[in-house]
Amino acid sequence: MEVTDLFHRIQVDLLLHGEQYGFVIKAVTVAVLCYVGVTDLRTFKIQNESVLLLAALYLLYALIFRSWYEVLSNVILAVAVLSLLLWFYTRGVLGGGDVKLLPVACLWVGSHCALLFSMLLFVLIVFHLVIVRLGWAPTRIVQGRHAIPYGPSVVGAMIGCILLGCL
């Protein structure tokens, strides 16, 4: 039995259509993203399980709604971003949670939404820095510098892409 036959059978059994699957997967993704953002803001940690859940949700979404070419280009983008972020991680600029989260976000966003995601991410990071400067958000001292969690900004940019219909 092929994968497409299996999904068709599930659709018939559950009386769901493709758009409803997409909505449910995106809704669960937004819920997980909200959890990740709040947790990172409070504890400065992003759990591996949350990142793996986001990757699994992408895989489920990609099997139904993305072509193999799109999936391949998204994976290439995520690997390229991971390589760059690992370099920043070795320099102490980013934390490990950010290095895990951003490539998974790039899987979801892909090259077709990368510009919108980047602009939203930039605006949200600047907003976060303003809030930190006003003393309304926590920071941690890491290697003699103030560090902020980038997870909430990444989460906000990804949710923005979902709500704007880019994904």
N, C-alpha and C. Protein backbone atom coordinates (compact mmCIF):
# COMPACT_ATOMS: atom_id res chain seq x y z
N MET A 1 0.84 -1.17 0.00
CA MET A 1 0.00 0.00 0.00
C MET A 1 0.90 1.24 0.00
N GLU A 2 0.62 2.17 -0.88
CA GLU A 2 1.40 3.39 -0.97
C GLU A 2 0.97 4.37 0.10
N VAL A 3 1.83 5.34 0.35
CA VAL A 3 1.54 6.35 1.36
C VAL A 3 0.31 7.16 0.98
N THR A 4 0.18 7.49 -0.30
CA THR A 4 -0.98 8.27 -0.72
C THR A 4 -2.28 7.49 -0.55
N ASP A 5 -2.23 6.18 -0.80
CA ASP A 5 -3.41 5.35 -0.57
C ASP A 5 -3.77 5.30 0.90
N LEU A 6 -2.75 5.25 1.75
CA LEU A 6 -2.98 5.23 3.19
C LEU A 6 -3.64 6.52 3.65
N PHE A 7 -3.12 7.66 3.18
CA PHE A 7 -3.72 8.94 3.57
C PHE A 7 -5.13 9.08 3.03
N HIS A 8 -5.37 8.59 1.83
CA HIS A 8 -6.73 8.64 1.27
C HIS A 8 -7.68 7.81 2.12
N ARG A 9 -7.23 6.66 2.54
CA ARG A 9 -8.08 5.80 3.37
C ARG A 9 -8.37 6.47 4.72
N ILE A 10 -7.36 7.10 5.29
CA ILE A 10 -7.56 7.82 6.55
C ILE A 10 -8.56 8.95 6.35
N GLN A 11 -8.45 9.66 5.22
CA GLN A 11 -9.39 10.74 4.93
C GLN A 11 -10.81 10.22 4.85
N VAL A 12 -11.00 9.14 4.15
CA VAL A 12 -12.33 8.57 3.99
C VAL A 12 -12.87 8.10 5.34
N ASP A 13 -12.02 7.46 6.11
CA ASP A 13 -12.45 6.94 7.41
C ASP A 13 -12.80 8.07 8.38
N LEU A 14 -12.04 9.14 8.37
CA LEU A 14 -12.26 10.24 9.30
C LEU A 14 -13.10 11.37 8.72
N LEU A 15 -13.43 11.27 7.46
CA LEU A 15 -14.21 12.29 6.75
C LEU A 15 -13.53 13.66 6.81
N LEU A 16 -12.22 13.64 6.70
CA LEU A 16 -11.46 14.88 6.68
C LEU A 16 -10.94 15.12 5.27
N HIS A 17 -10.74 16.37 4.97
CA HIS A 17 -10.17 16.74 3.68
C HIS A 17 -8.78 17.33 3.92
N GLY A 18 -8.02 17.45 2.86
CA GLY A 18 -6.64 17.90 2.96
C GLY A 18 -6.48 19.23 3.68
N GLU A 19 -7.36 20.17 3.41
CA GLU A 19 -7.24 21.48 4.05
C GLU A 19 -7.46 21.38 5.56
N GLN A 20 -8.33 20.47 5.98
CA GLN A 20 -8.56 20.31 7.41
C GLN A 20 -7.34 19.70 8.09
N TYR A 21 -6.65 18.77 7.42
CA TYR A 21 -5.41 18.24 7.96
C TYR A 21 -4.40 19.37 8.17
N GLY A 22 -4.28 20.19 7.15
CA GLY A 22 -3.33 21.30 7.23
C GLY A 22 -3.65 22.24 8.37
N PHE A 23 -4.93 22.53 8.56
CA PHE A 23 -5.34 23.43 9.64
C PHE A 23 -5.01 22.82 11.00
N VAL A 24 -5.32 21.54 11.16
CA VAL A 24 -5.06 20.87 12.44
C VAL A 24 -3.56 20.81 12.73
N ILE A 25 -2.77 20.47 11.73
CA ILE A 25 -1.31 20.39 11.92
C ILE A 25 -0.75 21.77 12.27
N LYS A 26 -1.21 22.80 11.57
CA LYS A 26 -0.74 24.16 11.86
C LYS A 26 -1.18 24.62 13.25
N ALA A 27 -2.39 24.28 13.64
CA ALA A 27 -2.88 24.66 14.97
C ALA A 27 -2.05 24.01 16.07
N VAL A 28 -1.74 22.73 15.90
CA VAL A 28 -0.90 22.04 16.89
C VAL A 28 0.50 22.66 16.89
N THR A 29 0.99 23.00 15.71
CA THR A 29 2.31 23.62 15.60
C THR A 29 2.35 24.96 16.33
N VAL A 30 1.31 25.77 16.16
CA VAL A 30 1.25 27.06 16.85
C VAL A 30 1.21 26.85 18.36
N ALA A 31 0.46 25.86 18.82
CA ALA A 31 0.40 25.58 20.26
C ALA A 31 1.78 25.18 20.80
N VAL A 32 2.47 24.32 20.08
CA VAL A 32 3.82 23.90 20.49
C VAL A 32 4.77 25.10 20.46
N LEU A 33 4.65 25.93 19.43
CA LEU A 33 5.51 27.12 19.34
C LEU A 33 5.27 28.07 20.51
N CYS A 34 4.02 28.26 20.89
CA CYS A 34 3.73 29.12 22.04
C CYS A 34 4.37 28.57 23.30
N TYR A 35 4.28 27.27 23.49
CA TYR A 35 4.93 26.64 24.64
C TYR A 35 6.44 26.87 24.61
N VAL A 36 7.04 26.67 23.46
CA VAL A 36 8.49 26.85 23.32
C VAL A 36 8.88 28.29 23.62
N GLY A 37 8.13 29.24 23.08
CA GLY A 37 8.46 30.66 23.29
C GLY A 37 8.36 31.08 24.74
N VAL A 38 7.28 30.66 25.41
CA VAL A 38 7.10 31.03 26.81
C VAL A 38 8.16 30.34 27.68
N THR A 39 8.42 29.07 27.41
CA THR A 39 9.42 28.34 28.18
C THR A 39 10.80 28.97 28.02
N ASP A 40 11.16 29.33 26.79
CA ASP A 40 12.47 29.93 26.56
C ASP A 40 12.57 31.30 27.22
N LEU A 41 11.51 32.06 27.19
CA LEU A 41 11.52 33.38 27.82
C LEU A 41 11.70 33.27 29.33
N ARG A 42 11.10 32.26 29.93
CA ARG A 42 11.18 32.09 31.39
C ARG A 42 12.45 31.40 31.86
N THR A 43 12.87 30.37 31.13
CA THR A 43 13.97 29.53 31.63
C THR A 43 15.25 29.61 30.81
N PHE A 44 15.21 30.28 29.66
CA PHE A 44 16.35 30.35 28.75
C PHE A 44 16.76 28.96 28.27
N LYS A 45 15.79 28.07 28.12
CA LYS A 45 16.04 26.71 27.64
C LYS A 45 14.95 26.31 26.66
N ILE A 46 15.36 25.58 25.62
CA ILE A 46 14.43 25.00 24.65
C ILE A 46 14.62 23.50 24.72
N GLN A 47 13.56 22.79 25.05
CA GLN A 47 13.66 21.35 25.25
C GLN A 47 13.80 20.62 23.92
N ASN A 48 14.61 19.57 23.93
CA ASN A 48 14.80 18.75 22.73
C ASN A 48 13.49 18.14 22.25
N GLU A 49 12.64 17.73 23.18
CA GLU A 49 11.38 17.09 22.82
C GLU A 49 10.48 18.03 22.02
N SER A 50 10.48 19.30 22.39
CA SER A 50 9.67 20.28 21.68
C SER A 50 10.17 20.47 20.25
N VAL A 51 11.48 20.54 20.09
CA VAL A 51 12.05 20.71 18.76
C VAL A 51 11.78 19.46 17.91
N LEU A 52 11.92 18.29 18.51
CA LEU A 52 11.62 17.05 17.78
C LEU A 52 10.14 16.97 17.39
N LEU A 53 9.26 17.45 18.27
CA LEU A 53 7.84 17.47 17.95
C LEU A 53 7.56 18.41 16.78
N LEU A 54 8.20 19.57 16.76
CA LEU A 54 8.05 20.50 15.63
C LEU A 54 8.56 19.88 14.33
N ALA A 55 9.67 19.15 14.40
CA ALA A 55 10.21 18.47 13.21
C ALA A 55 9.25 17.38 12.75
N ALA A 56 8.67 16.63 13.69
CA ALA A 56 7.72 15.58 13.32
C ALA A 56 6.46 16.18 12.70
N LEU A 57 6.01 17.30 13.23
CA LEU A 57 4.84 17.97 12.65
C LEU A 57 5.14 18.46 11.23
N TYR A 58 6.38 18.95 11.04
CA TYR A 58 6.76 19.35 9.67
C TYR A 58 6.74 18.14 8.74
N LEU A 59 7.28 17.03 9.20
CA LEU A 59 7.31 15.83 8.36
C LEU A 59 5.90 15.40 7.98
N LEU A 60 5.00 15.42 8.94
CA LEU A 60 3.61 15.08 8.67
C LEU A 60 2.98 16.05 7.67
N TYR A 61 3.23 17.34 7.87
CA TYR A 61 2.71 18.36 6.97
C TYR A 61 3.31 18.23 5.58
N ALA A 62 4.61 17.98 5.53
CA ALA A 62 5.31 17.88 4.24
C ALA A 62 4.84 16.67 3.44
N LEU A 63 4.57 15.57 4.10
CA LEU A 63 4.09 14.38 3.40
C LEU A 63 2.76 14.64 2.68
N ILE A 64 1.97 15.51 3.23
CA ILE A 64 0.65 15.76 2.66
C ILE A 64 0.66 16.94 1.68
N PHE A 65 1.37 18.02 2.02
CA PHE A 65 1.20 19.28 1.29
C PHE A 65 2.40 19.76 0.49
N ARG A 66 3.54 19.18 0.66
CA ARG A 66 4.73 19.68 -0.04
C ARG A 66 5.22 18.66 -1.06
N SER A 67 5.78 19.16 -2.14
CA SER A 67 6.39 18.27 -3.14
C SER A 67 7.77 17.85 -2.64
N TRP A 68 8.30 16.81 -3.28
CA TRP A 68 9.63 16.33 -2.88
C TRP A 68 10.69 17.40 -3.13
N TYR A 69 10.51 18.18 -4.18
CA TYR A 69 11.45 19.26 -4.47
C TYR A 69 11.42 20.30 -3.34
N GLU A 70 10.24 20.68 -2.88
CA GLU A 70 10.14 21.65 -1.78
C GLU A 70 10.76 21.10 -0.50
N VAL A 71 10.49 19.84 -0.21
CA VAL A 71 11.05 19.22 0.99
C VAL A 71 12.58 19.21 0.92
N LEU A 72 13.10 18.84 -0.23
CA LEU A 72 14.56 18.81 -0.40
C LEU A 72 15.16 20.21 -0.25
N SER A 73 14.54 21.22 -0.86
CA SER A 73 15.07 22.58 -0.72
C SER A 73 14.95 23.07 0.72
N ASN A 74 13.88 22.69 1.42
CA ASN A 74 13.75 23.08 2.83
C ASN A 74 14.82 22.42 3.70
N VAL A 75 15.12 21.17 3.43
CA VAL A 75 16.16 20.46 4.18
C VAL A 75 17.52 21.08 3.91
N ILE A 76 17.80 21.42 2.66
CA ILE A 76 19.08 22.06 2.32
C ILE A 76 19.20 23.40 3.05
N LEU A 77 18.12 24.18 3.06
CA LEU A 77 18.13 25.46 3.77
C LEU A 77 18.37 25.25 5.26
N ALA A 78 17.70 24.27 5.85
CA ALA A 78 17.86 24.00 7.29
C ALA A 78 19.28 23.57 7.62
N VAL A 79 19.88 22.74 6.77
CA VAL A 79 21.26 22.29 7.01
C VAL A 79 22.23 23.47 6.88
N ALA A 80 22.00 24.33 5.90
CA ALA A 80 22.86 25.51 5.73
C ALA A 80 22.75 26.43 6.95
N VAL A 81 21.54 26.65 7.42
CA VAL A 81 21.34 27.50 8.60
C VAL A 81 21.96 26.85 9.83
N LEU A 82 21.80 25.54 9.98
CA LEU A 82 22.40 24.84 11.11
C LEU A 82 23.92 24.97 11.09
N SER A 83 24.52 24.85 9.92
CA SER A 83 25.98 25.00 9.81
C SER A 83 26.43 26.39 10.25
N LEU A 84 25.74 27.41 9.80
CA LEU A 84 26.07 28.78 10.18
C LEU A 84 25.87 29.00 11.68
N LEU A 85 24.76 28.48 12.21
CA LEU A 85 24.47 28.67 13.62
C LEU A 85 25.46 27.93 14.52
N LEU A 86 25.94 26.78 14.07
CA LEU A 86 26.94 26.06 14.85
C LEU A 86 28.22 26.88 14.98
N TRP A 87 28.57 27.60 13.93
CA TRP A 87 29.73 28.48 13.98
C TRP A 87 29.51 29.57 15.03
N PHE A 88 28.31 30.19 15.03
CA PHE A 88 27.99 31.21 16.03
C PHE A 88 27.96 30.61 17.44
N TYR A 89 27.48 29.38 17.56
CA TYR A 89 27.43 28.70 18.86
C TYR A 89 28.84 28.49 19.42
N THR A 90 29.76 28.11 18.55
CA THR A 90 31.14 27.91 19.02
C THR A 90 31.78 29.22 19.47
N ARG A 91 31.30 30.33 18.99
CA ARG A 91 31.81 31.65 19.38
C ARG A 91 31.08 32.19 20.61
N GLY A 92 30.07 31.48 21.10
CA GLY A 92 29.33 31.91 22.28
C GLY A 92 28.29 32.98 22.02
N VAL A 93 27.93 33.19 20.75
CA VAL A 93 26.95 34.22 20.41
C VAL A 93 25.53 33.72 20.62
N LEU A 94 25.27 32.45 20.35
CA LEU A 94 23.94 31.86 20.47
C LEU A 94 23.98 30.69 21.44
N GLY A 95 22.82 30.42 22.03
CA GLY A 95 22.69 29.25 22.88
C GLY A 95 22.32 28.02 22.07
N GLY A 96 22.43 26.87 22.70
CA GLY A 96 22.14 25.62 22.00
C GLY A 96 20.69 25.48 21.59
N GLY A 97 19.77 26.01 22.39
CA GLY A 97 18.36 25.92 22.04
C GLY A 97 18.03 26.69 20.77
N ASP A 98 18.63 27.85 20.61
CA ASP A 98 18.42 28.64 19.39
C ASP A 98 18.98 27.92 18.18
N VAL A 99 20.11 27.25 18.37
CA VAL A 99 20.73 26.50 17.28
C VAL A 99 19.83 25.32 16.86
N LYS A 100 19.10 24.75 17.80
CA LYS A 100 18.17 23.66 17.47
C LYS A 100 16.89 24.18 16.83
N LEU A 101 16.37 25.29 17.36
CA LEU A 101 15.05 25.77 16.94
C LEU A 101 15.05 26.40 15.56
N LEU A 102 16.02 27.22 15.26
CA LEU A 102 16.01 27.96 14.00
C LEU A 102 16.07 27.07 12.76
N PRO A 103 16.88 26.01 12.72
CA PRO A 103 16.82 25.14 11.53
C PRO A 103 15.46 24.46 11.35
N VAL A 104 14.81 24.09 12.45
CA VAL A 104 13.48 23.49 12.33
C VAL A 104 12.48 24.53 11.83
N ALA A 105 12.64 25.77 12.28
CA ALA A 105 11.79 26.84 11.76
C ALA A 105 12.04 27.03 10.26
N CYS A 106 13.29 26.89 9.83
CA CYS A 106 13.60 27.01 8.41
C CYS A 106 13.01 25.87 7.60
N LEU A 107 12.90 24.69 8.21
CA LEU A 107 12.20 23.59 7.53
C LEU A 107 10.77 24.01 7.21
N TRP A 108 10.09 24.55 8.20
CA TRP A 108 8.71 24.97 8.02
C TRP A 108 8.60 26.13 7.03
N VAL A 109 9.46 27.12 7.18
CA VAL A 109 9.35 28.34 6.40
C VAL A 109 9.78 28.11 4.95
N GLY A 110 10.88 27.42 4.76
CA GLY A 110 11.37 27.16 3.42
C GLY A 110 11.88 28.42 2.74
N SER A 111 12.38 28.23 1.54
CA SER A 111 12.94 29.37 0.81
C SER A 111 11.86 30.31 0.29
N HIS A 112 10.63 29.80 0.12
CA HIS A 112 9.57 30.63 -0.42
C HIS A 112 9.06 31.67 0.58
N CYS A 113 9.28 31.47 1.87
CA CYS A 113 8.85 32.43 2.90
C CYS A 113 10.03 32.99 3.68
N ALA A 114 11.23 32.73 3.24
CA ALA A 114 12.42 33.12 4.00
C ALA A 114 12.52 34.64 4.18
N LEU A 115 12.17 35.40 3.17
CA LEU A 115 12.27 36.85 3.28
C LEU A 115 11.29 37.39 4.31
N LEU A 116 10.05 36.95 4.25
CA LEU A 116 9.04 37.38 5.23
C LEU A 116 9.46 36.96 6.63
N PHE A 117 9.91 35.72 6.78
CA PHE A 117 10.36 35.22 8.08
C PHE A 117 11.52 36.06 8.60
N SER A 118 12.48 36.38 7.75
CA SER A 118 13.64 37.17 8.17
C SER A 118 13.23 38.57 8.61
N MET A 119 12.32 39.18 7.87
CA MET A 119 11.87 40.52 8.25
C MET A 119 11.12 40.50 9.58
N LEU A 120 10.23 39.53 9.75
CA LEU A 120 9.51 39.41 11.01
C LEU A 120 10.47 39.12 12.17
N LEU A 121 11.44 38.26 11.92
CA LEU A 121 12.42 37.93 12.95
C LEU A 121 13.23 39.16 13.35
N PHE A 122 13.65 39.95 12.39
CA PHE A 122 14.41 41.17 12.67
C PHE A 122 13.59 42.13 13.51
N VAL A 123 12.35 42.37 13.11
CA VAL A 123 11.48 43.30 13.85
C VAL A 123 11.25 42.80 15.27
N LEU A 124 11.01 41.51 15.44
CA LEU A 124 10.75 40.97 16.77
C LEU A 124 11.99 40.98 17.66
N ILE A 125 13.16 40.75 17.09
CA ILE A 125 14.39 40.83 17.88
C ILE A 125 14.64 42.27 18.34
N VAL A 126 14.44 43.24 17.44
CA VAL A 126 14.61 44.64 17.82
C VAL A 126 13.60 45.01 18.91
N PHE A 127 12.36 44.56 18.74
CA PHE A 127 11.33 44.81 19.76
C PHE A 127 11.74 44.19 21.11
N HIS A 128 12.26 42.98 21.06
CA HIS A 128 12.71 42.30 22.28
C HIS A 128 13.86 43.08 22.92
N LEU A 129 14.78 43.57 22.12
CA LEU A 129 15.90 44.35 22.66
C LEU A 129 15.42 45.65 23.32
N VAL A 130 14.41 46.28 22.73
CA VAL A 130 13.84 47.50 23.33
C VAL A 130 13.20 47.16 24.67
N ILE A 131 12.47 46.07 24.71
CA ILE A 131 11.83 45.65 25.97
C ILE A 131 12.89 45.32 27.03
N VAL A 132 13.97 44.69 26.62
CA VAL A 132 15.06 44.40 27.56
C VAL A 132 15.69 45.69 28.05
N ARG A 133 15.88 46.62 27.13
CA ARG A 133 16.51 47.90 27.49
C ARG A 133 15.65 48.66 28.51
N LEU A 134 14.31 48.52 28.40
CA LEU A 134 13.40 49.17 29.34
C LEU A 134 13.30 48.41 30.67
N GLY A 135 13.91 47.23 30.71
CA GLY A 135 13.90 46.44 31.94
C GLY A 135 12.66 45.58 32.12
N TRP A 136 11.91 45.36 31.07
CA TRP A 136 10.67 44.60 31.15
C TRP A 136 10.85 43.12 30.82
N ALA A 137 12.01 42.72 30.36
CA ALA A 137 12.27 41.32 30.02
C ALA A 137 13.59 40.90 30.66
N PRO A 138 13.69 39.63 31.04
CA PRO A 138 14.90 39.18 31.73
C PRO A 138 16.08 38.96 30.78
N THR A 139 17.26 39.09 31.36
CA THR A 139 18.50 38.75 30.65
C THR A 139 19.32 37.87 31.59
N ARG A 140 20.31 37.23 31.03
CA ARG A 140 21.26 36.44 31.82
C ARG A 140 22.66 36.89 31.45
N ILE A 141 23.54 36.80 32.41
CA ILE A 141 24.94 37.12 32.15
C ILE A 141 25.63 35.85 31.68
N VAL A 142 26.17 35.91 30.45
CA VAL A 142 26.90 34.78 29.87
C VAL A 142 28.22 35.32 29.35
N GLN A 143 29.31 34.81 29.88
CA GLN A 143 30.66 35.22 29.50
C GLN A 143 30.83 36.74 29.61
N GLY A 144 30.25 37.31 30.66
CA GLY A 144 30.42 38.73 30.91
C GLY A 144 29.51 39.64 30.09
N ARG A 145 28.60 39.07 29.32
CA ARG A 145 27.68 39.87 28.50
C ARG A 145 26.25 39.50 28.85
N HIS A 146 25.34 40.42 28.60
CA HIS A 146 23.92 40.15 28.79
C HIS A 146 23.42 39.33 27.60
N ALA A 147 22.73 38.24 27.91
CA ALA A 147 22.18 37.37 26.86
C ALA A 147 20.65 37.41 26.94
N ILE A 148 20.02 37.36 25.78
CA ILE A 148 18.56 37.29 25.73
C ILE A 148 18.16 35.98 25.04
N PRO A 149 16.97 35.50 25.34
CA PRO A 149 16.50 34.31 24.63
C PRO A 149 15.95 34.72 23.25
N TYR A 150 16.46 34.10 22.21
CA TYR A 150 15.97 34.40 20.86
C TYR A 150 14.77 33.55 20.47
N GLY A 151 14.48 32.52 21.26
CA GLY A 151 13.36 31.64 20.97
C GLY A 151 12.03 32.35 20.79
N PRO A 152 11.66 33.29 21.68
CA PRO A 152 10.37 33.97 21.49
C PRO A 152 10.29 34.74 20.17
N SER A 153 11.39 35.30 19.73
CA SER A 153 11.39 36.02 18.46
C SER A 153 11.25 35.07 17.28
N VAL A 154 11.95 33.94 17.34
CA VAL A 154 11.84 32.93 16.28
C VAL A 154 10.42 32.39 16.23
N VAL A 155 9.86 32.10 17.40
CA VAL A 155 8.49 31.60 17.50
C VAL A 155 7.51 32.62 16.94
N GLY A 156 7.67 33.88 17.33
CA GLY A 156 6.77 34.92 16.85
C GLY A 156 6.84 35.09 15.34
N ALA A 157 8.04 35.03 14.78
CA ALA A 157 8.18 35.15 13.32
C ALA A 157 7.55 33.97 12.60
N MET A 158 7.71 32.79 13.17
CA MET A 158 7.11 31.60 12.53
C MET A 158 5.59 31.64 12.63
N ILE A 159 5.06 32.03 13.77
CA ILE A 159 3.60 32.15 13.91
C ILE A 159 3.09 33.24 12.97
N GLY A 160 3.84 34.32 12.84
CA GLY A 160 3.46 35.37 11.89
C GLY A 160 3.37 34.85 10.47
N CYS A 161 4.33 34.02 10.06
CA CYS A 161 4.29 33.43 8.72
C CYS A 161 3.07 32.53 8.55
N ILE A 162 2.74 31.78 9.59
CA ILE A 162 1.57 30.90 9.52
C ILE A 162 0.31 31.72 9.40
N LEU A 163 0.18 32.77 10.24
CA LEU A 163 -1.03 33.58 10.23
C LEU A 163 -1.18 34.40 8.95
N LEU A 164 -0.06 34.78 8.36
CA LEU A 164 -0.12 35.54 7.10
C LEU A 164 -0.34 34.63 5.89
N GLY A 165 -0.43 33.33 6.11
CA GLY A 165 -0.74 32.40 5.03
C GLY A 165 0.44 32.03 4.17
N CYS A 166 1.64 32.30 4.64
CA CYS A 166 2.81 32.01 3.83
C CYS A 166 3.13 30.52 3.84
N LEU A 167 2.81 29.82 4.92
CA LEU A 167 3.11 28.39 5.01
C LEU A 167 1.96 27.58 4.49
